[in-house]
Structures are given as C-alpha cells and as structure tokens.
Amino acid sequence: MLIQLLIEQPQAALTIVQRTPVWVWGLLAGLLLLGTIQMRPRSMRLARVTLLPLGLAAFSLFGLGRDLLASGWVAPALGVWLLMAAAVLLATWRNSPPAGTRYEPATRRIHLPGSTVPLVIILAIFLLKYAVGVELAMQPALREEAGFALGLAAAYGGLSGLLATRSAALWRLASQHTTA
C-alpha cells in the first residue's frame, strides 16, 4: 500500500516524513556515521569486527519482534529469520575477505580497506524497518498476515546474514594465520 500511495500521491511522502518521530532521524544519522566509518581504511582488533553484524542483527530482531509482537507470528518469524541468516551466511561462507585485507597475528589486528558494502546493508536494514513502520501504521492488520510476517523475517535475516559474511571471512583469515 505504501508504494502504491507514493506512486499515486507523491506528496504523501512529505506527510510521512513530517510524522516520523525525531528520534528516528537521530538513529539514521548514527547509522550513516557508522556506515561512513566503514568506507575508510582502518585497523581494528579481531573481536571488534563482530560488533557491527551483531549489533545490526539485534536491531533487525528487535524490529521484527516489535512489529509482530501483537500477532501470532513472532515465533515462526524468528525461525525464518534465523534460517535465512544462516542460509545467506552458508551460501557466502567461501567469500574471501575484501582485497587488501591483512591480519597481523602479533597484534591480533585486522587491517581493512574501506568499503561501501556495509553502508548499503545498514541503509537497507534501516529503510526496510522504516517502510514497515509506515506500512503498519497505515495497515495494522498486516502483522496478522503470514506472507507479510514471514517475508519480513526473511528480508531481515538475509540482510543480517549478508552483513555477517565479511566478519566470517575475517575470522577465517585470522584463523589461517593462527594455525599456520
């Protein structure tokens, strides 16, 4: 309904933006900052590479649970989220770390080149959550529909699995140096 509304009445976008709580814009600013930081080369401890995917997985799970809390679809949706995240992670398991990545075993630091990929995934999760929030504000009964609930769970899970792919590749790189 949201897409149809915006196609037929583009001026509705202004109303939607005006009715968005201020804290949402603060969250977006923080996420943009987090994604922008990923665009520059940096060095970090190995354990820190897991924080971004874990944090955004928690954000997507929280959003999913909050959106479906009043429905009977929370448990099945969480299962679909987990299956989709695992499926994407398994499908991309063999992906190599970004070109130019190196690991220093002595300091246990990863040196990463900048990448726009995390920013794109972060924005995709945010925009999905935003669009779902607007859609549910206009049609609260959607949370009772299986296709909506499970589709939402699959989207959140897939994006979370995709974000975890890079961390998995970095941990594999480090473990190769540790066992060598």
N, C-alpha and C. Protein backbone atom coordinates (compact mmCIF):
# COMPACT_ATOMS: atom_id res chain seq x y z
N MET A 1 0.81 -1.18 0.00
CA MET A 1 0.00 0.00 0.00
C MET A 1 0.87 1.27 0.00
N LEU A 2 2.00 1.24 0.71
CA LEU A 2 2.87 2.40 0.79
C LEU A 2 3.39 2.79 -0.59
N ILE A 3 3.89 1.83 -1.32
CA ILE A 3 4.44 2.12 -2.65
C ILE A 3 3.34 2.65 -3.57
N GLN A 4 2.19 2.02 -3.52
CA GLN A 4 1.06 2.47 -4.34
C GLN A 4 0.67 3.90 -3.96
N LEU A 5 0.62 4.19 -2.68
CA LEU A 5 0.30 5.53 -2.21
C LEU A 5 1.30 6.56 -2.74
N LEU A 6 2.59 6.23 -2.65
CA LEU A 6 3.62 7.17 -3.09
C LEU A 6 3.63 7.35 -4.61
N ILE A 7 3.23 6.33 -5.33
CA ILE A 7 3.14 6.45 -6.80
C ILE A 7 1.96 7.33 -7.18
N GLU A 8 0.83 7.07 -6.54
CA GLU A 8 -0.39 7.81 -6.89
C GLU A 8 -0.43 9.20 -6.28
N GLN A 9 0.17 9.37 -5.11
CA GLN A 9 0.15 10.66 -4.42
C GLN A 9 1.54 10.95 -3.84
N PRO A 10 2.48 11.35 -4.69
CA PRO A 10 3.85 11.57 -4.21
C PRO A 10 3.95 12.59 -3.08
N GLN A 11 3.01 13.50 -2.99
CA GLN A 11 3.03 14.50 -1.93
C GLN A 11 2.85 13.86 -0.55
N ALA A 12 2.36 12.63 -0.50
CA ALA A 12 2.18 11.92 0.77
C ALA A 12 3.53 11.67 1.45
N ALA A 13 4.61 11.63 0.67
CA ALA A 13 5.94 11.41 1.25
C ALA A 13 6.27 12.49 2.26
N LEU A 14 5.90 13.73 1.96
CA LEU A 14 6.17 14.83 2.88
C LEU A 14 5.44 14.63 4.21
N THR A 15 4.18 14.20 4.14
CA THR A 15 3.40 13.94 5.35
C THR A 15 4.03 12.82 6.17
N ILE A 16 4.47 11.78 5.49
CA ILE A 16 5.10 10.64 6.18
C ILE A 16 6.36 11.11 6.90
N VAL A 17 7.19 11.88 6.20
CA VAL A 17 8.43 12.37 6.80
C VAL A 17 8.13 13.30 7.98
N GLN A 18 7.13 14.16 7.85
CA GLN A 18 6.78 15.09 8.93
C GLN A 18 6.26 14.35 10.16
N ARG A 19 5.61 13.23 9.97
CA ARG A 19 5.05 12.48 11.10
C ARG A 19 6.02 11.46 11.69
N THR A 20 7.21 11.41 11.14
CA THR A 20 8.23 10.50 11.66
C THR A 20 8.80 11.08 12.96
N PRO A 21 8.85 10.28 14.01
CA PRO A 21 9.41 10.78 15.28
C PRO A 21 10.86 11.27 15.09
N VAL A 22 11.23 12.30 15.83
CA VAL A 22 12.55 12.90 15.70
C VAL A 22 13.67 11.90 16.00
N TRP A 23 13.44 11.00 16.96
CA TRP A 23 14.49 10.05 17.32
C TRP A 23 14.88 9.16 16.14
N VAL A 24 13.97 8.93 15.20
CA VAL A 24 14.27 8.11 14.03
C VAL A 24 15.36 8.77 13.20
N TRP A 25 15.31 10.10 13.08
CA TRP A 25 16.32 10.82 12.30
C TRP A 25 17.67 10.77 13.01
N GLY A 26 17.65 10.79 14.34
CA GLY A 26 18.89 10.63 15.10
C GLY A 26 19.49 9.24 14.88
N LEU A 27 18.64 8.24 14.89
CA LEU A 27 19.10 6.87 14.62
C LEU A 27 19.69 6.78 13.22
N LEU A 28 19.01 7.37 12.24
CA LEU A 28 19.52 7.35 10.87
C LEU A 28 20.89 8.04 10.81
N ALA A 29 21.03 9.17 11.47
CA ALA A 29 22.32 9.88 11.47
C ALA A 29 23.42 9.00 12.06
N GLY A 30 23.11 8.32 13.15
CA GLY A 30 24.09 7.42 13.78
C GLY A 30 24.46 6.26 12.86
N LEU A 31 23.47 5.69 12.21
CA LEU A 31 23.74 4.58 11.29
C LEU A 31 24.53 5.04 10.07
N LEU A 32 24.23 6.24 9.58
CA LEU A 32 25.00 6.79 8.46
C LEU A 32 26.46 7.01 8.86
N LEU A 33 26.66 7.50 10.07
CA LEU A 33 28.02 7.69 10.58
C LEU A 33 28.75 6.34 10.68
N LEU A 34 28.07 5.36 11.23
CA LEU A 34 28.64 4.02 11.35
C LEU A 34 29.01 3.46 9.98
N GLY A 35 28.12 3.60 9.01
CA GLY A 35 28.39 3.11 7.66
C GLY A 35 29.50 3.90 6.97
N THR A 36 29.54 5.20 7.21
CA THR A 36 30.58 6.04 6.60
C THR A 36 31.96 5.67 7.14
N ILE A 37 32.04 5.35 8.40
CA ILE A 37 33.31 4.92 9.00
C ILE A 37 33.82 3.67 8.28
N GLN A 38 32.93 2.81 7.85
CA GLN A 38 33.32 1.58 7.16
C GLN A 38 33.93 1.86 5.78
N MET A 39 33.75 3.07 5.29
CA MET A 39 34.22 3.42 3.95
C MET A 39 35.70 3.81 3.93
N ARG A 40 36.28 4.02 5.08
CA ARG A 40 37.70 4.41 5.09
C ARG A 40 38.56 3.25 5.60
N PRO A 41 39.79 3.17 5.13
CA PRO A 41 40.68 2.11 5.63
C PRO A 41 40.91 2.27 7.13
N ARG A 42 41.00 1.16 7.81
CA ARG A 42 41.22 1.23 9.25
C ARG A 42 41.81 -0.08 9.76
N SER A 43 42.25 -0.02 10.99
CA SER A 43 42.82 -1.17 11.66
C SER A 43 42.04 -1.38 12.96
N MET A 44 41.73 -2.62 13.25
CA MET A 44 40.97 -2.90 14.48
C MET A 44 41.31 -4.28 15.02
N ARG A 45 41.00 -4.47 16.26
CA ARG A 45 41.19 -5.78 16.87
C ARG A 45 40.20 -6.77 16.27
N LEU A 46 40.60 -8.00 16.25
CA LEU A 46 39.80 -9.05 15.62
C LEU A 46 38.39 -9.14 16.22
N ALA A 47 38.28 -9.08 17.53
CA ALA A 47 36.97 -9.22 18.16
C ALA A 47 36.01 -8.10 17.74
N ARG A 48 36.54 -6.93 17.42
CA ARG A 48 35.70 -5.78 17.08
C ARG A 48 34.98 -5.95 15.74
N VAL A 49 35.51 -6.77 14.84
CA VAL A 49 34.87 -6.93 13.53
C VAL A 49 33.51 -7.61 13.65
N THR A 50 33.24 -8.19 14.79
CA THR A 50 31.97 -8.88 15.00
C THR A 50 30.90 -7.95 15.57
N LEU A 51 31.27 -6.82 16.11
CA LEU A 51 30.31 -5.93 16.76
C LEU A 51 29.25 -5.39 15.80
N LEU A 52 29.64 -4.93 14.61
CA LEU A 52 28.69 -4.37 13.66
C LEU A 52 27.63 -5.39 13.24
N PRO A 53 28.02 -6.58 12.79
CA PRO A 53 26.97 -7.53 12.42
C PRO A 53 26.09 -7.96 13.60
N LEU A 54 26.69 -8.11 14.77
CA LEU A 54 25.88 -8.49 15.94
C LEU A 54 24.91 -7.37 16.32
N GLY A 55 25.38 -6.14 16.30
CA GLY A 55 24.52 -5.00 16.64
C GLY A 55 23.37 -4.84 15.66
N LEU A 56 23.65 -4.98 14.38
CA LEU A 56 22.57 -4.82 13.40
C LEU A 56 21.66 -6.04 13.36
N ALA A 57 22.19 -7.20 13.69
CA ALA A 57 21.31 -8.38 13.82
C ALA A 57 20.34 -8.16 14.98
N ALA A 58 20.85 -7.62 16.08
CA ALA A 58 19.97 -7.32 17.23
C ALA A 58 18.93 -6.27 16.84
N PHE A 59 19.35 -5.25 16.08
CA PHE A 59 18.42 -4.21 15.61
C PHE A 59 17.33 -4.82 14.74
N SER A 60 17.71 -5.71 13.84
CA SER A 60 16.69 -6.31 12.97
C SER A 60 15.78 -7.26 13.76
N LEU A 61 16.33 -8.01 14.70
CA LEU A 61 15.50 -8.88 15.54
C LEU A 61 14.55 -8.08 16.42
N PHE A 62 15.06 -6.99 16.99
CA PHE A 62 14.21 -6.13 17.81
C PHE A 62 13.08 -5.56 16.96
N GLY A 63 13.41 -5.08 15.77
CA GLY A 63 12.38 -4.53 14.87
C GLY A 63 11.35 -5.57 14.49
N LEU A 64 11.82 -6.76 14.20
CA LEU A 64 10.91 -7.85 13.83
C LEU A 64 9.99 -8.19 15.00
N GLY A 65 10.57 -8.36 16.17
CA GLY A 65 9.76 -8.68 17.35
C GLY A 65 8.76 -7.59 17.68
N ARG A 66 9.20 -6.36 17.59
CA ARG A 66 8.31 -5.22 17.89
C ARG A 66 7.17 -5.12 16.88
N ASP A 67 7.49 -5.33 15.61
CA ASP A 67 6.47 -5.23 14.58
C ASP A 67 5.44 -6.35 14.66
N LEU A 68 5.86 -7.50 15.14
CA LEU A 68 4.95 -8.66 15.14
C LEU A 68 4.48 -9.05 16.53
N LEU A 69 4.84 -8.28 17.55
CA LEU A 69 4.53 -8.65 18.92
C LEU A 69 3.05 -8.95 19.16
N ALA A 70 2.18 -8.17 18.56
CA ALA A 70 0.74 -8.36 18.78
C ALA A 70 0.15 -9.45 17.90
N SER A 71 0.98 -10.13 17.13
CA SER A 71 0.46 -11.18 16.25
C SER A 71 0.88 -12.55 16.75
N GLY A 72 0.39 -13.56 16.11
CA GLY A 72 0.78 -14.93 16.45
C GLY A 72 1.97 -15.39 15.63
N TRP A 73 2.66 -14.46 14.97
CA TRP A 73 3.72 -14.84 14.03
C TRP A 73 5.12 -14.61 14.56
N VAL A 74 5.27 -14.23 15.81
CA VAL A 74 6.61 -13.92 16.32
C VAL A 74 7.52 -15.14 16.28
N ALA A 75 7.10 -16.25 16.85
CA ALA A 75 7.96 -17.45 16.89
C ALA A 75 8.28 -17.97 15.48
N PRO A 76 7.29 -18.14 14.59
CA PRO A 76 7.64 -18.59 13.25
C PRO A 76 8.56 -17.59 12.52
N ALA A 77 8.32 -16.30 12.73
CA ALA A 77 9.14 -15.28 12.08
C ALA A 77 10.59 -15.34 12.58
N LEU A 78 10.77 -15.55 13.87
CA LEU A 78 12.13 -15.68 14.40
C LEU A 78 12.84 -16.89 13.80
N GLY A 79 12.10 -17.98 13.62
CA GLY A 79 12.66 -19.16 12.97
C GLY A 79 13.07 -18.87 11.53
N VAL A 80 12.21 -18.17 10.80
CA VAL A 80 12.53 -17.81 9.41
C VAL A 80 13.73 -16.87 9.38
N TRP A 81 13.78 -15.91 10.30
CA TRP A 81 14.92 -15.00 10.37
C TRP A 81 16.22 -15.79 10.53
N LEU A 82 16.22 -16.70 11.48
CA LEU A 82 17.41 -17.50 11.76
C LEU A 82 17.79 -18.36 10.56
N LEU A 83 16.81 -19.02 9.96
CA LEU A 83 17.09 -19.85 8.78
C LEU A 83 17.65 -19.04 7.63
N MET A 84 17.08 -17.87 7.39
CA MET A 84 17.54 -17.04 6.28
C MET A 84 18.93 -16.50 6.55
N ALA A 85 19.19 -16.03 7.76
CA ALA A 85 20.52 -15.53 8.10
C ALA A 85 21.56 -16.64 7.93
N ALA A 86 21.23 -17.84 8.41
CA ALA A 86 22.15 -18.97 8.28
C ALA A 86 22.33 -19.37 6.82
N ALA A 87 21.27 -19.37 6.05
CA ALA A 87 21.35 -19.75 4.63
C ALA A 87 22.25 -18.78 3.86
N VAL A 88 22.08 -17.49 4.09
CA VAL A 88 22.92 -16.49 3.39
C VAL A 88 24.37 -16.63 3.84
N LEU A 89 24.57 -16.82 5.12
CA LEU A 89 25.94 -16.97 5.63
C LEU A 89 26.59 -18.22 5.05
N LEU A 90 25.86 -19.33 5.00
CA LEU A 90 26.41 -20.56 4.42
C LEU A 90 26.67 -20.41 2.92
N ALA A 91 25.77 -19.72 2.22
CA ALA A 91 25.93 -19.54 0.78
C ALA A 91 27.14 -18.67 0.45
N THR A 92 27.51 -17.79 1.36
CA THR A 92 28.63 -16.87 1.12
C THR A 92 29.86 -17.24 1.96
N TRP A 93 29.83 -18.40 2.58
CA TRP A 93 30.87 -18.80 3.52
C TRP A 93 32.27 -18.77 2.90
N ARG A 94 32.38 -19.13 1.65
CA ARG A 94 33.68 -19.20 1.00
C ARG A 94 34.17 -17.85 0.48
N ASN A 95 33.36 -16.81 0.63
CA ASN A 95 33.79 -15.49 0.17
C ASN A 95 35.11 -15.10 0.83
N SER A 96 35.97 -14.49 0.06
CA SER A 96 37.26 -14.02 0.57
C SER A 96 37.08 -12.68 1.27
N PRO A 97 38.00 -12.36 2.16
CA PRO A 97 37.97 -11.01 2.73
C PRO A 97 38.17 -9.98 1.62
N PRO A 98 37.79 -8.75 1.85
CA PRO A 98 37.99 -7.72 0.82
C PRO A 98 39.47 -7.65 0.40
N ALA A 99 39.69 -7.37 -0.88
CA ALA A 99 41.06 -7.24 -1.39
C ALA A 99 41.81 -6.19 -0.57
N GLY A 100 43.04 -6.50 -0.23
CA GLY A 100 43.84 -5.56 0.54
C GLY A 100 43.75 -5.78 2.04
N THR A 101 42.94 -6.72 2.47
CA THR A 101 42.81 -7.01 3.90
C THR A 101 44.01 -7.83 4.35
N ARG A 102 44.52 -7.50 5.51
CA ARG A 102 45.60 -8.31 6.06
C ARG A 102 45.44 -8.43 7.57
N TYR A 103 45.98 -9.52 8.09
CA TYR A 103 45.91 -9.80 9.51
C TYR A 103 47.32 -9.86 10.07
N GLU A 104 47.53 -9.22 11.22
CA GLU A 104 48.82 -9.26 11.91
C GLU A 104 48.66 -10.09 13.17
N PRO A 105 49.16 -11.33 13.14
CA PRO A 105 49.00 -12.21 14.31
C PRO A 105 49.61 -11.65 15.59
N ALA A 106 50.74 -10.95 15.48
CA ALA A 106 51.42 -10.45 16.68
C ALA A 106 50.54 -9.48 17.46
N THR A 107 49.79 -8.64 16.75
CA THR A 107 48.95 -7.63 17.41
C THR A 107 47.47 -8.03 17.41
N ARG A 108 47.16 -9.11 16.71
CA ARG A 108 45.78 -9.58 16.53
C ARG A 108 44.90 -8.47 15.96
N ARG A 109 45.46 -7.75 14.98
CA ARG A 109 44.74 -6.65 14.33
C ARG A 109 44.48 -6.99 12.88
N ILE A 110 43.30 -6.57 12.45
CA ILE A 110 42.90 -6.69 11.04
C ILE A 110 43.05 -5.31 10.41
N HIS A 111 43.67 -5.26 9.27
CA HIS A 111 43.78 -4.01 8.50
C HIS A 111 42.83 -4.14 7.32
N LEU A 112 41.81 -3.27 7.31
CA LEU A 112 40.74 -3.34 6.31
C LEU A 112 40.78 -2.15 5.36
N PRO A 113 40.56 -2.43 4.07
CA PRO A 113 40.35 -1.31 3.16
C PRO A 113 38.93 -0.78 3.37
N GLY A 114 38.66 0.41 2.93
CA GLY A 114 37.31 0.95 3.04
C GLY A 114 36.36 0.24 2.07
N SER A 115 35.08 0.22 2.43
CA SER A 115 34.07 -0.42 1.59
C SER A 115 32.72 0.26 1.80
N THR A 116 31.98 0.39 0.71
CA THR A 116 30.62 0.94 0.80
C THR A 116 29.59 -0.14 1.11
N VAL A 117 29.98 -1.40 1.02
CA VAL A 117 29.03 -2.51 1.21
C VAL A 117 28.35 -2.45 2.58
N PRO A 118 29.09 -2.29 3.68
CA PRO A 118 28.39 -2.21 4.98
C PRO A 118 27.39 -1.06 5.03
N LEU A 119 27.74 0.10 4.47
CA LEU A 119 26.83 1.24 4.46
C LEU A 119 25.54 0.90 3.72
N VAL A 120 25.67 0.24 2.58
CA VAL A 120 24.49 -0.13 1.79
C VAL A 120 23.60 -1.09 2.58
N ILE A 121 24.20 -2.07 3.24
CA ILE A 121 23.42 -3.04 4.01
C ILE A 121 22.77 -2.37 5.23
N ILE A 122 23.52 -1.50 5.90
CA ILE A 122 22.97 -0.76 7.04
C ILE A 122 21.76 0.05 6.60
N LEU A 123 21.89 0.77 5.48
CA LEU A 123 20.78 1.57 4.98
C LEU A 123 19.60 0.70 4.55
N ALA A 124 19.89 -0.45 3.98
CA ALA A 124 18.81 -1.36 3.58
C ALA A 124 18.01 -1.82 4.80
N ILE A 125 18.70 -2.16 5.88
CA ILE A 125 18.01 -2.58 7.10
C ILE A 125 17.18 -1.42 7.65
N PHE A 126 17.76 -0.23 7.70
CA PHE A 126 17.03 0.93 8.21
C PHE A 126 15.81 1.23 7.34
N LEU A 127 15.99 1.28 6.04
CA LEU A 127 14.87 1.62 5.14
C LEU A 127 13.77 0.57 5.19
N LEU A 128 14.16 -0.69 5.32
CA LEU A 128 13.16 -1.75 5.47
C LEU A 128 12.36 -1.52 6.75
N LYS A 129 13.06 -1.26 7.85
CA LYS A 129 12.38 -1.02 9.12
C LYS A 129 11.48 0.21 9.05
N TYR A 130 11.96 1.26 8.39
CA TYR A 130 11.18 2.49 8.26
C TYR A 130 9.92 2.24 7.43
N ALA A 131 10.09 1.60 6.28
CA ALA A 131 8.94 1.32 5.40
C ALA A 131 7.92 0.41 6.09
N VAL A 132 8.40 -0.57 6.82
CA VAL A 132 7.50 -1.47 7.54
C VAL A 132 6.75 -0.70 8.63
N GLY A 133 7.43 0.20 9.32
CA GLY A 133 6.78 1.01 10.34
C GLY A 133 5.67 1.87 9.75
N VAL A 134 5.93 2.48 8.60
CA VAL A 134 4.91 3.30 7.93
C VAL A 134 3.76 2.41 7.48
N GLU A 135 4.09 1.30 6.87
CA GLU A 135 3.06 0.38 6.36
C GLU A 135 2.16 -0.12 7.50
N LEU A 136 2.77 -0.48 8.61
CA LEU A 136 1.98 -0.98 9.74
C LEU A 136 1.17 0.14 10.40
N ALA A 137 1.65 1.37 10.33
CA ALA A 137 0.86 2.49 10.85
C ALA A 137 -0.40 2.69 10.00
N MET A 138 -0.27 2.44 8.69
CA MET A 138 -1.41 2.60 7.79
C MET A 138 -2.31 1.36 7.78
N GLN A 139 -1.72 0.19 7.97
CA GLN A 139 -2.48 -1.07 7.92
C GLN A 139 -2.04 -2.00 9.04
N PRO A 140 -2.46 -1.76 10.27
CA PRO A 140 -2.01 -2.60 11.39
C PRO A 140 -2.36 -4.08 11.23
N ALA A 141 -3.39 -4.39 10.48
CA ALA A 141 -3.80 -5.78 10.30
C ALA A 141 -2.77 -6.60 9.52
N LEU A 142 -1.85 -5.94 8.86
CA LEU A 142 -0.81 -6.66 8.09
C LEU A 142 0.00 -7.61 8.97
N ARG A 143 0.20 -7.22 10.23
CA ARG A 143 1.03 -8.06 11.10
C ARG A 143 0.41 -9.44 11.33
N GLU A 144 -0.86 -9.59 11.01
CA GLU A 144 -1.53 -10.88 11.17
C GLU A 144 -1.40 -11.78 9.94
N GLU A 145 -0.87 -11.22 8.85
CA GLU A 145 -0.76 -11.98 7.60
C GLU A 145 0.56 -12.74 7.55
N ALA A 146 0.47 -14.02 7.28
CA ALA A 146 1.65 -14.88 7.25
C ALA A 146 2.68 -14.40 6.22
N GLY A 147 2.23 -14.07 5.04
CA GLY A 147 3.15 -13.65 3.99
C GLY A 147 3.94 -12.41 4.38
N PHE A 148 3.27 -11.47 5.02
CA PHE A 148 3.95 -10.24 5.47
C PHE A 148 4.96 -10.58 6.56
N ALA A 149 4.52 -11.29 7.58
CA ALA A 149 5.37 -11.59 8.73
C ALA A 149 6.59 -12.41 8.33
N LEU A 150 6.37 -13.45 7.55
CA LEU A 150 7.48 -14.33 7.19
C LEU A 150 8.37 -13.70 6.13
N GLY A 151 7.79 -12.91 5.22
CA GLY A 151 8.59 -12.19 4.24
C GLY A 151 9.50 -11.17 4.90
N LEU A 152 8.95 -10.47 5.87
CA LEU A 152 9.72 -9.50 6.64
C LEU A 152 10.88 -10.19 7.37
N ALA A 153 10.58 -11.31 7.98
CA ALA A 153 11.61 -12.07 8.70
C ALA A 153 12.70 -12.53 7.74
N ALA A 154 12.32 -13.00 6.57
CA ALA A 154 13.31 -13.45 5.58
C ALA A 154 14.19 -12.29 5.13
N ALA A 155 13.60 -11.12 4.91
CA ALA A 155 14.38 -9.96 4.48
C ALA A 155 15.37 -9.54 5.56
N TYR A 156 14.89 -9.40 6.80
CA TYR A 156 15.79 -9.03 7.89
C TYR A 156 16.89 -10.08 8.09
N GLY A 157 16.52 -11.33 8.06
CA GLY A 157 17.50 -12.41 8.25
C GLY A 157 18.53 -12.44 7.13
N GLY A 158 18.08 -12.26 5.90
CA GLY A 158 19.01 -12.26 4.77
C GLY A 158 20.01 -11.12 4.86
N LEU A 159 19.54 -9.93 5.20
CA LEU A 159 20.44 -8.79 5.34
C LEU A 159 21.43 -8.99 6.49
N SER A 160 20.95 -9.56 7.58
CA SER A 160 21.84 -9.83 8.72
C SER A 160 22.90 -10.86 8.36
N GLY A 161 22.50 -11.90 7.64
CA GLY A 161 23.46 -12.91 7.19
C GLY A 161 24.48 -12.34 6.23
N LEU A 162 24.03 -11.46 5.36
CA LEU A 162 24.94 -10.81 4.41
C LEU A 162 25.97 -9.95 5.13
N LEU A 163 25.55 -9.24 6.13
CA LEU A 163 26.47 -8.40 6.89
C LEU A 163 27.47 -9.26 7.67
N ALA A 164 27.04 -10.42 8.13
CA ALA A 164 27.92 -11.32 8.88
C ALA A 164 28.97 -11.99 8.00
N THR A 165 28.74 -12.00 6.69
CA THR A 165 29.66 -12.66 5.76
C THR A 165 31.07 -12.12 5.87
N ARG A 166 31.22 -10.79 5.90
CA ARG A 166 32.55 -10.19 5.96
C ARG A 166 33.26 -10.56 7.25
N SER A 167 32.54 -10.52 8.37
CA SER A 167 33.16 -10.89 9.65
C SER A 167 33.62 -12.33 9.64
N ALA A 168 32.81 -13.20 9.06
CA ALA A 168 33.20 -14.62 8.98
C ALA A 168 34.47 -14.77 8.16
N ALA A 169 34.57 -14.04 7.06
CA ALA A 169 35.77 -14.12 6.22
C ALA A 169 37.00 -13.60 6.98
N LEU A 170 36.82 -12.57 7.77
CA LEU A 170 37.94 -12.03 8.54
C LEU A 170 38.39 -12.98 9.64
N TRP A 171 37.45 -13.63 10.29
CA TRP A 171 37.79 -14.62 11.31
C TRP A 171 38.52 -15.81 10.68
N ARG A 172 38.09 -16.22 9.49
CA ARG A 172 38.77 -17.32 8.78
C ARG A 172 40.20 -16.91 8.44
N LEU A 173 40.37 -15.68 7.95
CA LEU A 173 41.71 -15.19 7.63
C LEU A 173 42.60 -15.24 8.87
N ALA A 174 42.09 -14.79 9.99
CA ALA A 174 42.87 -14.80 11.23
C ALA A 174 43.18 -16.22 11.67
N SER A 175 42.23 -17.11 11.55
CA SER A 175 42.46 -18.49 11.99
C SER A 175 43.49 -19.19 11.10
N GLN A 176 43.57 -18.82 9.83
CA GLN A 176 44.59 -19.39 8.94
C GLN A 176 45.98 -18.98 9.40
N HIS A 177 46.13 -17.75 9.87
CA HIS A 177 47.43 -17.28 10.35
C HIS A 177 47.75 -17.87 11.71
N THR A 178 46.74 -18.14 12.51
CA THR A 178 46.95 -18.69 13.85
C THR A 178 47.40 -20.14 13.76
N THR A 179 46.77 -20.90 12.84
CA THR A 179 47.10 -22.33 12.73
C THR A 179 48.34 -22.56 11.91
N ALA A 180 48.79 -21.55 11.15
CA ALA A 180 49.96 -21.73 10.29
C ALA A 180 51.25 -21.69 11.07
